[in-house]
């Protein structure tokens, strides 16, 4: 199976075209070598996928016939991603929330109308 199709079928990417773009950009490595999207994947290969500033590492156990449900993904790969990478992902999530909290920033249309009504009541 092709690398892009494997990453799509094991749910690392939402669409196959996104997986293909990641391969072309050099974000996917098989056995520490940058690969094209058409590279074949075999059981025993080690894949490294850079996605959202996190390096995911996995070992191919078996090649699926088609896209899998989320519960069946672990039958076809072993996730060997380090704990530091998952902690880095959590820190990124918190840092995004820190810079702009929900509801802050420009007022919405409803907020502007409420402000205008408040100013009219004062006059």
PDB file of N, CA and C in Angstrom:
ATOM      1  N   UNK A   1       0.842  -1.179   0.000  1.00  0.00           N
ATOM      2  CA  UNK A   1       0.000   0.000   0.000  1.00  0.00           C
ATOM      3  C   UNK A   1       0.884   1.238   0.000  1.00  0.00           C
ATOM      4  N   UNK A   2       0.437   2.297  -0.677  1.00  0.00           N
ATOM      5  CA  UNK A   2       1.176   3.559  -0.726  1.00  0.00           C
ATOM      6  C   UNK A   2       1.206   4.219   0.654  1.00  0.00           C
ATOM      7  N   UNK A   3       2.235   5.009   0.890  1.00  0.00           N
ATOM      8  CA  UNK A   3       2.381   5.681   2.182  1.00  0.00           C
ATOM      9  C   UNK A   3       1.210   6.618   2.443  1.00  0.00           C
ATOM     10  N   UNK A   4       0.829   7.434   1.470  1.00  0.00           N
ATOM     11  CA  UNK A   4      -0.257   8.385   1.694  1.00  0.00           C
ATOM     12  C   UNK A   4      -1.570   7.664   1.979  1.00  0.00           C
ATOM     13  N   UNK A   5      -1.808   6.574   1.293  1.00  0.00           N
ATOM     14  CA  UNK A   5      -3.039   5.809   1.524  1.00  0.00           C
ATOM     15  C   UNK A   5      -3.008   5.141   2.903  1.00  0.00           C
ATOM     16  N   UNK A   6      -1.839   4.658   3.319  1.00  0.00           N
ATOM     17  CA  UNK A   6      -1.711   4.046   4.636  1.00  0.00           C
ATOM     18  C   UNK A   6      -1.990   5.059   5.746  1.00  0.00           C
ATOM     19  N   UNK A   7      -1.410   6.254   5.630  1.00  0.00           N
ATOM     20  CA  UNK A   7      -1.619   7.279   6.659  1.00  0.00           C
ATOM     21  C   UNK A   7      -3.073   7.741   6.700  1.00  0.00           C
ATOM     22  N   UNK A   8      -3.720   7.768   5.545  1.00  0.00           N
ATOM     23  CA  UNK A   8      -5.139   8.117   5.500  1.00  0.00           C
ATOM     24  C   UNK A   8      -5.982   7.004   6.109  1.00  0.00           C
ATOM     25  N   UNK A   9      -5.665   5.761   5.776  1.00  0.00           N
ATOM     26  CA  UNK A   9      -6.481   4.650   6.257  1.00  0.00           C
ATOM     27  C   UNK A   9      -6.306   4.400   7.752  1.00  0.00           C
ATOM     28  N   UNK A  10      -5.153   4.780   8.305  1.00  0.00           N
ATOM     29  CA  UNK A  10      -4.958   4.640   9.749  1.00  0.00           C
ATOM     30  C   UNK A  10      -5.292   5.927  10.499  1.00  0.00           C
ATOM     31  N   UNK A  11      -5.937   6.854   9.818  1.00  0.00           N
ATOM     32  CA  UNK A  11      -6.513   8.067  10.400  1.00  0.00           C
ATOM     33  C   UNK A  11      -5.497   9.059  10.961  1.00  0.00           C
ATOM     34  N   UNK A  12      -4.303   9.117  10.364  1.00  0.00           N
ATOM     35  CA  UNK A  12      -3.376  10.179  10.733  1.00  0.00           C
ATOM     36  C   UNK A  12      -3.724  11.468   9.997  1.00  0.00           C
ATOM     37  N   UNK A  13      -4.353  11.342   8.832  1.00  0.00           N
ATOM     38  CA  UNK A  13      -4.794  12.497   8.065  1.00  0.00           C
ATOM     39  C   UNK A  13      -6.254  12.320   7.683  1.00  0.00           C
ATOM     40  N   UNK A  14      -6.966  13.427   7.620  1.00  0.00           N
ATOM     41  CA  UNK A  14      -8.401  13.393   7.346  1.00  0.00           C
ATOM     42  C   UNK A  14      -8.705  12.991   5.903  1.00  0.00           C
ATOM     43  N   UNK A  15      -7.883  13.458   4.962  1.00  0.00           N
ATOM     44  CA  UNK A  15      -8.087  13.103   3.563  1.00  0.00           C
ATOM     45  C   UNK A  15      -6.776  12.576   2.981  1.00  0.00           C
ATOM     46  N   UNK A  16      -6.904  11.872   1.896  1.00  0.00           N
ATOM     47  CA  UNK A  16      -5.721  11.316   1.253  1.00  0.00           C
ATOM     48  C   UNK A  16      -4.891  12.416   0.600  1.00  0.00           C
ATOM     49  N   UNK A  17      -5.548  13.454   0.112  1.00  0.00           N
ATOM     50  CA  UNK A  17      -4.795  14.544  -0.524  1.00  0.00           C
ATOM     51  C   UNK A  17      -3.946  15.300   0.502  1.00  0.00           C
ATOM     52  N   UNK A  18      -4.422  15.433   1.725  1.00  0.00           N
ATOM     53  CA  UNK A  18      -3.618  16.069   2.778  1.00  0.00           C
ATOM     54  C   UNK A  18      -2.408  15.196   3.097  1.00  0.00           C
ATOM     55  N   UNK A  19      -2.600  13.879   3.118  1.00  0.00           N
ATOM     56  CA  UNK A  19      -1.485  12.963   3.356  1.00  0.00           C
ATOM     57  C   UNK A  19      -0.468  13.051   2.225  1.00  0.00           C
ATOM     58  N   UNK A  20      -0.943  13.185   0.985  1.00  0.00           N
ATOM     59  CA  UNK A  20      -0.051  13.315  -0.161  1.00  0.00           C
ATOM     60  C   UNK A  20       0.766  14.596  -0.073  1.00  0.00           C
ATOM     61  N   UNK A  21       0.129  15.691   0.314  1.00  0.00           N
ATOM     62  CA  UNK A  21       0.845  16.966   0.462  1.00  0.00           C
ATOM     63  C   UNK A  21       1.907  16.870   1.550  1.00  0.00           C
ATOM     64  N   UNK A  22       1.589  16.196   2.642  1.00  0.00           N
ATOM     65  CA  UNK A  22       2.563  16.037   3.725  1.00  0.00           C
ATOM     66  C   UNK A  22       3.782  15.255   3.242  1.00  0.00           C
ATOM     67  N   UNK A  23       3.558  14.235   2.425  1.00  0.00           N
ATOM     68  CA  UNK A  23       4.683  13.456   1.872  1.00  0.00           C
ATOM     69  C   UNK A  23       5.533  14.324   0.957  1.00  0.00           C
ATOM     70  N   UNK A  24       4.893  15.130   0.134  1.00  0.00           N
ATOM     71  CA  UNK A  24       5.634  15.982  -0.802  1.00  0.00           C
ATOM     72  C   UNK A  24       6.441  17.057  -0.077  1.00  0.00           C
ATOM     73  N   UNK A  25       5.960  17.521   1.069  1.00  0.00           N
ATOM     74  CA  UNK A  25       6.674  18.542   1.834  1.00  0.00           C
ATOM     75  C   UNK A  25       7.812  17.967   2.664  1.00  0.00           C
ATOM     76  N   UNK A  26       7.895  16.642   2.754  1.00  0.00           N
ATOM     77  CA  UNK A  26       8.965  16.021   3.520  1.00  0.00           C
ATOM     78  C   UNK A  26       8.614  15.767   4.966  1.00  0.00           C
ATOM     79  N   UNK A  27       7.329  15.782   5.311  1.00  0.00           N
ATOM     80  CA  UNK A  27       6.898  15.579   6.688  1.00  0.00           C
ATOM     81  C   UNK A  27       6.746  14.103   7.032  1.00  0.00           C
ATOM     82  N   UNK A  28       6.922  13.221   6.051  1.00  0.00           N
ATOM     83  CA  UNK A  28       6.764  11.788   6.280  1.00  0.00           C
ATOM     84  C   UNK A  28       8.085  11.097   5.941  1.00  0.00           C
ATOM     85  N   UNK A  29       8.519  10.234   6.851  1.00  0.00           N
ATOM     86  CA  UNK A  29       9.750   9.467   6.636  1.00  0.00           C
ATOM     87  C   UNK A  29       9.453   7.991   6.880  1.00  0.00           C
ATOM     88  N   UNK A  30      10.042   7.163   6.043  1.00  0.00           N
ATOM     89  CA  UNK A  30       9.964   5.717   6.230  1.00  0.00           C
ATOM     90  C   UNK A  30      11.381   5.221   6.452  1.00  0.00           C
ATOM     91  N   UNK A  31      11.607   4.595   7.596  1.00  0.00           N
ATOM     92  CA  UNK A  31      12.949   4.121   7.977  1.00  0.00           C
ATOM     93  C   UNK A  31      13.983   5.248   7.848  1.00  0.00           C
ATOM     94  N   UNK A  32      13.647   6.425   8.353  1.00  0.00           N
ATOM     95  CA  UNK A  32      14.508   7.613   8.395  1.00  0.00           C
ATOM     96  C   UNK A  32      14.873   8.164   7.019  1.00  0.00           C
ATOM     97  N   UNK A  33      14.087   7.891   6.010  1.00  0.00           N
ATOM     98  CA  UNK A  33      14.319   8.447   4.681  1.00  0.00           C
ATOM     99  C   UNK A  33      13.061   9.176   4.226  1.00  0.00           C
ATOM    100  N   UNK A  34      13.239  10.406   3.732  1.00  0.00           N
ATOM    101  CA  UNK A  34      12.102  11.159   3.209  1.00  0.00           C
ATOM    102  C   UNK A  34      11.585  10.436   1.975  1.00  0.00           C
ATOM    103  N   UNK A  35      10.258  10.299   1.889  1.00  0.00           N
ATOM    104  CA  UNK A  35       9.674   9.491   0.816  1.00  0.00           C
ATOM    105  C   UNK A  35       8.655  10.279   0.010  1.00  0.00           C
ATOM    106  N   UNK A  36       8.416   9.785  -1.192  1.00  0.00           N
ATOM    107  CA  UNK A  36       7.342  10.302  -2.035  1.00  0.00           C
ATOM    108  C   UNK A  36       6.042   9.627  -1.630  1.00  0.00           C
ATOM    109  N   UNK A  37       4.900  10.194  -2.005  1.00  0.00           N
ATOM    110  CA  UNK A  37       3.627   9.591  -1.622  1.00  0.00           C
ATOM    111  C   UNK A  37       3.405   8.202  -2.213  1.00  0.00           C
ATOM    112  N   UNK A  38       4.089   7.880  -3.308  1.00  0.00           N
ATOM    113  CA  UNK A  38       3.867   6.591  -3.962  1.00  0.00           C
ATOM    114  C   UNK A  38       4.712   5.462  -3.360  1.00  0.00           C
ATOM    115  N   UNK A  39       5.523   5.750  -2.374  1.00  0.00           N
ATOM    116  CA  UNK A  39       6.389   4.733  -1.747  1.00  0.00           C
ATOM    117  C   UNK A  39       5.524   3.673  -1.088  1.00  0.00           C
ATOM    118  N   UNK A  40       5.863   2.413  -1.306  1.00  0.00           N
ATOM    119  CA  UNK A  40       5.121   1.299  -0.717  1.00  0.00           C
ATOM    120  C   UNK A  40       5.506   1.122   0.749  1.00  0.00           C
ATOM    121  N   UNK A  41       4.524   0.725   1.562  1.00  0.00           N
ATOM    122  CA  UNK A  41       4.733   0.468   2.980  1.00  0.00           C
ATOM    123  C   UNK A  41       4.561  -1.028   3.209  1.00  0.00           C
ATOM    124  N   UNK A  42       5.460  -1.602   4.003  1.00  0.00           N
ATOM    125  CA  UNK A  42       5.419  -3.025   4.292  1.00  0.00           C
ATOM    126  C   UNK A  42       5.417  -3.238   5.796  1.00  0.00           C
ATOM    127  N   UNK A  43       4.913  -4.377   6.275  1.00  0.00           N
ATOM    128  CA  UNK A  43       4.976  -4.666   7.715  1.00  0.00           C
ATOM    129  C   UNK A  43       6.420  -4.626   8.203  1.00  0.00           C
ATOM    130  N   UNK A  44       6.610  -3.980   9.347  1.00  0.00           N
ATOM    131  CA  UNK A  44       7.944  -3.836   9.920  1.00  0.00           C
ATOM    132  C   UNK A  44       8.583  -2.490   9.657  1.00  0.00           C
ATOM    133  N   UNK A  45       8.012  -1.691   8.753  1.00  0.00           N
ATOM    134  CA  UNK A  45       8.558  -0.362   8.477  1.00  0.00           C
ATOM    135  C   UNK A  45       8.293   0.577   9.656  1.00  0.00           C
ATOM    136  N   UNK A  46       9.234   1.496   9.877  1.00  0.00           N
ATOM    137  CA  UNK A  46       9.074   2.539  10.891  1.00  0.00           C
ATOM    138  C   UNK A  46       8.752   3.843  10.192  1.00  0.00           C
ATOM    139  N   UNK A  47       7.639   4.466  10.564  1.00  0.00           N
ATOM    140  CA  UNK A  47       7.225   5.729   9.968  1.00  0.00           C
ATOM    141  C   UNK A  47       7.353   6.845  10.979  1.00  0.00           C
ATOM    142  N   UNK A  48       7.773   8.005  10.500  1.00  0.00           N
ATOM    143  CA  UNK A  48       7.805   9.221  11.299  1.00  0.00           C
ATOM    144  C   UNK A  48       6.975  10.259  10.556  1.00  0.00           C
ATOM    145  N   UNK A  49       5.975  10.803  11.241  1.00  0.00           N
ATOM    146  CA  UNK A  49       5.060  11.768  10.629  1.00  0.00           C
ATOM    147  C   UNK A  49       5.090  13.043  11.448  1.00  0.00           C
ATOM    148  N   UNK A  50       5.410  14.159  10.806  1.00  0.00           N
ATOM    149  CA  UNK A  50       5.380  15.460  11.486  1.00  0.00           C
ATOM    150  C   UNK A  50       4.059  16.127  11.170  1.00  0.00           C
ATOM    151  N   UNK A  51       3.261  16.325  12.201  1.00  0.00           N
ATOM    152  CA  UNK A  51       1.931  16.914  12.033  1.00  0.00           C
ATOM    153  C   UNK A  51       1.652  17.812  13.235  1.00  0.00           C
ATOM    154  N   UNK A  52       1.263  19.048  12.982  1.00  0.00           N
ATOM    155  CA  UNK A  52       0.949  20.014  14.046  1.00  0.00           C
ATOM    156  C   UNK A  52       2.115  20.188  15.024  1.00  0.00           C
ATOM    157  N   UNK A  53       3.327  20.310  14.503  1.00  0.00           N
ATOM    158  CA  UNK A  53       4.550  20.534  15.271  1.00  0.00           C
ATOM    159  C   UNK A  53       4.886  19.387  16.217  1.00  0.00           C
ATOM    160  N   UNK A  54       4.350  18.202  15.947  1.00  0.00           N
ATOM    161  CA  UNK A  54       4.628  17.023  16.760  1.00  0.00           C
ATOM    162  C   UNK A  54       5.115  15.912  15.835  1.00  0.00           C
ATOM    163  N   UNK A  55       6.181  15.221  16.230  1.00  0.00           N
ATOM    164  CA  UNK A  55       6.688  14.086  15.459  1.00  0.00           C
ATOM    165  C   UNK A  55       6.080  12.797  15.999  1.00  0.00           C
ATOM    166  N   UNK A  56       5.207  12.190  15.218  1.00  0.00           N
ATOM    167  CA  UNK A  56       4.599  10.914  15.572  1.00  0.00           C
ATOM    168  C   UNK A  56       5.460   9.797  14.973  1.00  0.00           C
ATOM    169  N   UNK A  57       5.737   8.782  15.762  1.00  0.00           N
ATOM    170  CA  UNK A  57       6.478   7.632  15.253  1.00  0.00           C
ATOM    171  C   UNK A  57       5.606   6.399  15.420  1.00  0.00           C
ATOM    172  N   UNK A  58       5.643   5.535  14.397  1.00  0.00           N
ATOM    173  CA  UNK A  58       4.830   4.325  14.452  1.00  0.00           C
ATOM    174  C   UNK A  58       5.509   3.210  13.693  1.00  0.00           C
ATOM    175  N   UNK A  59       5.152   2.003  14.047  1.00  0.00           N
ATOM    176  CA  UNK A  59       5.661   0.812  13.366  1.00  0.00           C
ATOM    177  C   UNK A  59       4.481   0.107  12.714  1.00  0.00           C
ATOM    178  N   UNK A  60       4.646  -0.246  11.461  1.00  0.00           N
ATOM    179  CA  UNK A  60       3.591  -0.908  10.702  1.00  0.00           C
ATOM    180  C   UNK A  60       3.560  -2.382  11.091  1.00  0.00           C
ATOM    181  N   UNK A  61       2.414  -2.863  11.569  1.00  0.00           N
ATOM    182  CA  UNK A  61       2.244  -4.277  11.893  1.00  0.00           C
ATOM    183  C   UNK A  61       1.708  -5.019  10.673  1.00  0.00           C
ATOM    184  N   UNK A  62       0.674  -4.432  10.079  1.00  0.00           N
ATOM    185  CA  UNK A  62       0.039  -5.047   8.928  1.00  0.00           C
ATOM    186  C   UNK A  62      -0.574  -3.941   8.075  1.00  0.00           C
ATOM    187  N   UNK A  63      -0.783  -4.198   6.815  1.00  0.00           N
ATOM    188  CA  UNK A  63      -1.342  -3.211   5.904  1.00  0.00           C
ATOM    189  C   UNK A  63      -2.847  -3.475   5.772  1.00  0.00           C
ATOM    190  N   UNK A  64      -3.697  -2.485   6.085  1.00  0.00           N
ATOM    191  CA  UNK A  64      -5.147  -2.693   5.980  1.00  0.00           C
ATOM    192  C   UNK A  64      -5.618  -2.677   4.527  1.00  0.00           C
ATOM    193  N   UNK A  65      -6.788  -3.238   4.286  1.00  0.00           N
ATOM    194  CA  UNK A  65      -7.343  -3.262   2.934  1.00  0.00           C
ATOM    195  C   UNK A  65      -7.998  -1.935   2.577  1.00  0.00           C
ATOM    196  N   UNK A  66      -8.585  -1.263   3.562  1.00  0.00           N
ATOM    197  CA  UNK A  66      -9.260   0.014   3.321  1.00  0.00           C
ATOM    198  C   UNK A  66      -9.217   0.844   4.603  1.00  0.00           C
ATOM    199  N   UNK A  67      -9.870   2.013   4.595  1.00  0.00           N
ATOM    200  CA  UNK A  67      -9.880   2.902   5.760  1.00  0.00           C
ATOM    201  C   UNK A  67     -10.524   2.204   6.951  1.00  0.00           C
ATOM    202  N   UNK A  68      -9.939   2.444   8.110  1.00  0.00           N
ATOM    203  CA  UNK A  68     -10.352   1.745   9.321  1.00  0.00           C
ATOM    204  C   UNK A  68     -11.176   2.633  10.234  1.00  0.00           C
ATOM    205  N   UNK A  69     -11.949   2.000  11.078  1.00  0.00           N
ATOM    206  CA  UNK A  69     -12.612   2.713  12.159  1.00  0.00           C
ATOM    207  C   UNK A  69     -11.593   3.024  13.240  1.00  0.00           C
ATOM    208  N   UNK A  70     -11.846   4.035  14.050  1.00  0.00           N
ATOM    209  CA  UNK A  70     -10.861   4.440  15.057  1.00  0.00           C
ATOM    210  C   UNK A  70     -10.488   3.330  16.043  1.00  0.00           C
ATOM    211  N   UNK A  71     -11.404   2.418  16.322  1.00  0.00           N
ATOM    212  CA  UNK A  71     -11.116   1.356  17.282  1.00  0.00           C
ATOM    213  C   UNK A  71     -10.204   0.274  16.702  1.00  0.00           C
ATOM    214  N   UNK A  72     -10.158   0.152  15.387  1.00  0.00           N
ATOM    215  CA  UNK A  72      -9.378  -0.906  14.748  1.00  0.00           C
ATOM    216  C   UNK A  72      -7.971  -0.479  14.345  1.00  0.00           C
ATOM    217  N   UNK A  73      -7.643   0.791  14.503  1.00  0.00           N
ATOM    218  CA  UNK A  73      -6.343   1.307  14.055  1.00  0.00           C
ATOM    219  C   UNK A  73      -5.193   0.609  14.761  1.00  0.00           C
ATOM    220  N   UNK A  74      -5.334   0.307  16.046  1.00  0.00           N
ATOM    221  CA  UNK A  74      -4.237  -0.298  16.799  1.00  0.00           C
ATOM    222  C   UNK A  74      -3.911  -1.715  16.359  1.00  0.00           C
ATOM    223  N   UNK A  75      -4.761  -2.350  15.579  1.00  0.00           N
ATOM    224  CA  UNK A  75      -4.462  -3.683  15.056  1.00  0.00           C
ATOM    225  C   UNK A  75      -3.434  -3.641  13.934  1.00  0.00           C
ATOM    226  N   UNK A  76      -3.250  -2.467  13.324  1.00  0.00           N
ATOM    227  CA  UNK A  76      -2.394  -2.350  12.149  1.00  0.00           C
ATOM    228  C   UNK A  76      -1.125  -1.539  12.371  1.00  0.00           C
ATOM    229  N   UNK A  77      -0.970  -0.925  13.539  1.00  0.00           N
ATOM    230  CA  UNK A  77       0.236  -0.146  13.820  1.00  0.00           C
ATOM    231  C   UNK A  77       0.499  -0.105  15.315  1.00  0.00           C
ATOM    232  N   UNK A  78       1.770   0.114  15.655  1.00  0.00           N
ATOM    233  CA  UNK A  78       2.172   0.320  17.051  1.00  0.00           C
ATOM    234  C   UNK A  78       2.649   1.753  17.160  1.00  0.00           C
ATOM    235  N   UNK A  79       2.027   2.522  18.029  1.00  0.00           N
ATOM    236  CA  UNK A  79       2.400   3.925  18.204  1.00  0.00           C
ATOM    237  C   UNK A  79       3.574   3.994  19.172  1.00  0.00           C
ATOM    238  N   UNK A  80       4.731   4.424  18.685  1.00  0.00           N
ATOM    239  CA  UNK A  80       5.932   4.530  19.513  1.00  0.00           C
ATOM    240  C   UNK A  80       6.309   5.985  19.767  1.00  0.00           C
ATOM    241  N   UNK A  81       5.335   6.872  19.697  1.00  0.00           N
ATOM    242  CA  UNK A  81       5.575   8.288  19.932  1.00  0.00           C
ATOM    243  C   UNK A  81       5.980   8.500  21.386  1.00  0.00           C
ATOM    244  N   UNK A  82       6.982   9.314  21.605  1.00  0.00           N
ATOM    245  CA  UNK A  82       7.463   9.555  22.964  1.00  0.00           C
ATOM    246  C   UNK A  82       6.452  10.363  23.762  1.00  0.00           C
ATOM    247  N   UNK A  83       6.551  10.252  25.072  1.00  0.00           N
ATOM    248  CA  UNK A  83       5.656  11.005  25.955  1.00  0.00           C
ATOM    249  C   UNK A  83       5.924  12.502  25.854  1.00  0.00           C
ATOM    250  N   UNK A  84       7.160  12.865  25.562  1.00  0.00           N
ATOM    251  CA  UNK A  84       7.512  14.284  25.422  1.00  0.00           C
ATOM    252  C   UNK A  84       6.737  14.920  24.271  1.00  0.00           C
ATOM    253  N   UNK A  85       6.538  14.168  23.190  1.00  0.00           N
ATOM    254  CA  UNK A  85       5.808  14.692  22.039  1.00  0.00           C
ATOM    255  C   UNK A  85       4.354  14.940  22.396  1.00  0.00           C
ATOM    256  N   UNK A  86       3.754  14.028  23.156  1.00  0.00           N
ATOM    257  CA  UNK A  86       2.357  14.232  23.550  1.00  0.00           C
ATOM    258  C   UNK A  86       2.239  15.393  24.537  1.00  0.00           C
ATOM    259  N   UNK A  87       3.241  15.570  25.405  1.00  0.00           N
ATOM    260  CA  UNK A  87       3.237  16.715  26.313  1.00  0.00           C
ATOM    261  C   UNK A  87       3.388  18.015  25.537  1.00  0.00           C
ATOM    262  N   UNK A  88       4.202  17.987  24.486  1.00  0.00           N
ATOM    263  CA  UNK A  88       4.392  19.168  23.635  1.00  0.00           C
ATOM    264  C   UNK A  88       3.059  19.548  22.971  1.00  0.00           C
ATOM    265  N   UNK A  89       2.296  18.559  22.576  1.00  0.00           N
ATOM    266  CA  UNK A  89       0.990  18.813  21.960  1.00  0.00           C
ATOM    267  C   UNK A  89       0.044  19.477  22.964  1.00  0.00           C
ATOM    268  N   UNK A  90       0.060  19.020  24.207  1.00  0.00           N
ATOM    269  CA  UNK A  90      -0.770  19.623  25.248  1.00  0.00           C
ATOM    270  C   UNK A  90      -0.347  21.072  25.505  1.00  0.00           C
ATOM    271  N   UNK A  91       0.961  21.325  25.535  1.00  0.00           N
ATOM    272  CA  UNK A  91       1.443  22.686  25.754  1.00  0.00           C
ATOM    273  C   UNK A  91       1.023  23.617  24.622  1.00  0.00           C
ATOM    274  N   UNK A  92       1.040  23.119  23.394  1.00  0.00           N
ATOM    275  CA  UNK A  92       0.584  23.923  22.264  1.00  0.00           C
ATOM    276  C   UNK A  92      -0.886  24.293  22.406  1.00  0.00           C
ATOM    277  N   UNK A  93      -1.680  23.348  22.876  1.00  0.00           N
ATOM    278  CA  UNK A  93      -3.110  23.602  23.056  1.00  0.00           C
ATOM    279  C   UNK A  93      -3.326  24.697  24.107  1.00  0.00           C
ATOM    280  N   UNK A  94      -2.574  24.610  25.215  1.00  0.00           N
ATOM    281  CA  UNK A  94      -2.712  25.622  26.258  1.00  0.00           C
ATOM    282  C   UNK A  94      -2.198  26.984  25.800  1.00  0.00           C
ATOM    283  N   UNK A  95      -1.131  27.010  25.022  1.00  0.00           N
ATOM    284  CA  UNK A  95      -0.584  28.288  24.573  1.00  0.00           C
ATOM    285  C   UNK A  95      -1.540  28.988  23.611  1.00  0.00           C
ATOM    286  N   UNK A  96      -2.249  28.235  22.796  1.00  0.00           N
ATOM    287  CA  UNK A  96      -3.226  28.843  21.903  1.00  0.00           C
ATOM    288  C   UNK A  96      -4.368  29.468  22.693  1.00  0.00           C
ATOM    289  N   UNK A  97      -4.788  28.808  23.767  1.00  0.00           N
ATOM    290  CA  UNK A  97      -5.863  29.348  24.595  1.00  0.00           C
ATOM    291  C   UNK A  97      -5.397  30.589  25.352  1.00  0.00           C
ATOM    292  N   UNK A  98      -4.103  30.655  25.687  1.00  0.00           N
ATOM    293  CA  UNK A  98      -3.590  31.764  26.468  1.00  0.00           C
ATOM    294  C   UNK A  98      -3.624  33.072  25.675  1.00  0.00           C
ATOM    295  N   UNK A  99      -3.266  33.032  24.415  1.00  0.00           N
ATOM    296  CA  UNK A  99      -3.154  34.257  23.645  1.00  0.00           C
ATOM    297  C   UNK A  99      -4.498  34.903  23.360  1.00  0.00           C
ATOM    298  N   UNK A 100      -5.507  34.123  23.141  1.00  0.00           N
ATOM    299  CA  UNK A 100      -6.811  34.711  22.898  1.00  0.00           C
ATOM    300  C   UNK A 100      -7.874  33.794  23.460  1.00  0.00           C
ATOM    301  N   UNK A 101      -8.527  34.284  24.490  1.00  0.00           N
ATOM    302  CA  UNK A 101      -9.595  33.507  25.094  1.00  0.00           C
ATOM    303  C   UNK A 101     -10.890  33.764  24.341  1.00  0.00           C
ATOM    304  N   UNK A 102     -11.772  32.829  24.426  1.00  0.00           N
ATOM    305  CA  UNK A 102     -13.043  32.928  23.730  1.00  0.00           C
ATOM    306  C   UNK A 102     -13.832  34.113  24.280  1.00  0.00           C
ATOM    307  N   UNK A 103     -14.378  34.904  23.375  1.00  0.00           N
ATOM    308  CA  UNK A 103     -15.171  36.051  23.792  1.00  0.00           C
ATOM    309  C   UNK A 103     -14.368  37.335  23.903  1.00  0.00           C
ATOM    310  N   UNK A 104     -13.071  37.245  23.811  1.00  0.00           N
ATOM    311  CA  UNK A 104     -12.240  38.447  23.893  1.00  0.00           C
ATOM    312  C   UNK A 104     -11.984  38.962  22.482  1.00  0.00           C
ATOM    313  N   UNK A 105     -11.553  40.197  22.380  1.00  0.00           N
ATOM    314  CA  UNK A 105     -11.245  40.752  21.066  1.00  0.00           C
ATOM    315  C   UNK A 105     -12.357  41.666  20.589  1.00  0.00           C
ATOM    316  N   UNK A 106     -12.553  41.716  19.294  1.00  0.00           N
ATOM    317  CA  UNK A 106     -13.568  42.593  18.714  1.00  0.00           C
ATOM    318  C   UNK A 106     -14.955  42.224  19.203  1.00  0.00           C
ATOM    319  N   UNK A 107     -15.781  43.234  19.483  1.00  0.00           N
ATOM    320  CA  UNK A 107     -17.151  42.907  19.882  1.00  0.00           C
ATOM    321  C   UNK A 107     -17.954  42.381  18.699  1.00  0.00           C
ATOM    322  N   UNK A 108     -18.893  41.522  19.007  1.00  0.00           N
ATOM    323  CA  UNK A 108     -19.759  40.991  17.969  1.00  0.00           C
ATOM    324  C   UNK A 108     -20.825  42.025  17.628  1.00  0.00           C
ATOM    325  N   UNK A 109     -21.627  41.720  16.639  1.00  0.00           N
ATOM    326  CA  UNK A 109     -22.688  42.635  16.232  1.00  0.00           C
ATOM    327  C   UNK A 109     -23.676  42.851  17.379  1.00  0.00           C
ATOM    328  N   UNK A 110     -23.986  41.789  18.098  1.00  0.00           N
ATOM    329  CA  UNK A 110     -24.889  41.894  19.241  1.00  0.00           C
ATOM    330  C   UNK A 110     -24.273  42.764  20.333  1.00  0.00           C
ATOM    331  N   UNK A 111     -22.977  42.587  20.582  1.00  0.00           N
ATOM    332  CA  UNK A 111     -22.298  43.405  21.585  1.00  0.00           C
ATOM    333  C   UNK A 111     -22.339  44.889  21.199  1.00  0.00           C
ATOM    334  N   UNK A 112     -22.124  45.199  19.920  1.00  0.00           N
ATOM    335  CA  UNK A 112     -22.160  46.599  19.484  1.00  0.00           C
ATOM    336  C   UNK A 112     -23.548  47.193  19.662  1.00  0.00           C
ATOM    337  N   UNK A 113     -24.569  46.431  19.356  1.00  0.00           N
ATOM    338  CA  UNK A 113     -25.938  46.933  19.547  1.00  0.00           C
ATOM    339  C   UNK A 113     -26.232  47.193  21.019  1.00  0.00           C
ATOM    340  N   UNK A 114     -25.765  46.299  21.890  1.00  0.00           N
ATOM    341  CA  UNK A 114     -25.965  46.508  23.324  1.00  0.00           C
ATOM    342  C   UNK A 114     -25.241  47.762  23.810  1.00  0.00           C
ATOM    343  N   UNK A 115     -24.039  48.008  23.284  1.00  0.00           N
ATOM    344  CA  UNK A 115     -23.286  49.207  23.662  1.00  0.00           C
ATOM    345  C   UNK A 115     -24.025  50.458  23.190  1.00  0.00           C
ATOM    346  N   UNK A 116     -24.531  50.433  21.954  1.00  0.00           N
ATOM    347  CA  UNK A 116     -25.282  51.581  21.428  1.00  0.00           C
ATOM    348  C   UNK A 116     -26.540  51.830  22.246  1.00  0.00           C
ATOM    349  N   UNK A 117     -27.269  50.768  22.635  1.00  0.00           N
ATOM    350  CA  UNK A 117     -28.467  50.936  23.467  1.00  0.00           C
ATOM    351  C   UNK A 117     -28.110  51.506  24.825  1.00  0.00           C
ATOM    352  N   UNK A 118     -27.003  51.097  25.386  1.00  0.00           N
ATOM    353  CA  UNK A 118     -26.559  51.592  26.694  1.00  0.00           C
ATOM    354  C   UNK A 118     -26.224  53.088  26.616  1.00  0.00           C
ATOM    355  N   UNK A 119     -25.573  53.496  25.519  1.00  0.00           N
ATOM    356  CA  UNK A 119     -25.225  54.913  25.354  1.00  0.00           C
ATOM    357  C   UNK A 119     -26.482  55.745  25.197  1.00  0.00           C
ATOM    358  N   UNK A 120     -27.490  55.247  24.481  1.00  0.00           N
ATOM    359  CA  UNK A 120     -28.742  55.992  24.292  1.00  0.00           C
ATOM    360  C   UNK A 120     -29.483  56.176  25.591  1.00  0.00           C
ATOM    361  N   UNK A 121     -29.449  55.159  26.465  1.00  0.00           N
ATOM    362  CA  UNK A 121     -30.136  55.247  27.744  1.00  0.00           C
ATOM    363  C   UNK A 121     -29.512  56.292  28.649  1.00  0.00           C
ATOM    364  N   UNK A 122     -28.192  56.488  28.566  1.00  0.00           N
ATOM    365  CA  UNK A 122     -27.513  57.489  29.372  1.00  0.00           C
ATOM    366  C   UNK A 122     -27.884  58.898  28.957  1.00  0.00           C
ATOM    367  N   UNK A 123     -28.159  59.111  27.661  1.00  0.00           N
ATOM    368  CA  UNK A 123     -28.461  60.444  27.173  1.00  0.00           C
ATOM    369  C   UNK A 123     -29.851  60.760  27.536  1.00  0.00           C
TER     370      UNK A 123
END
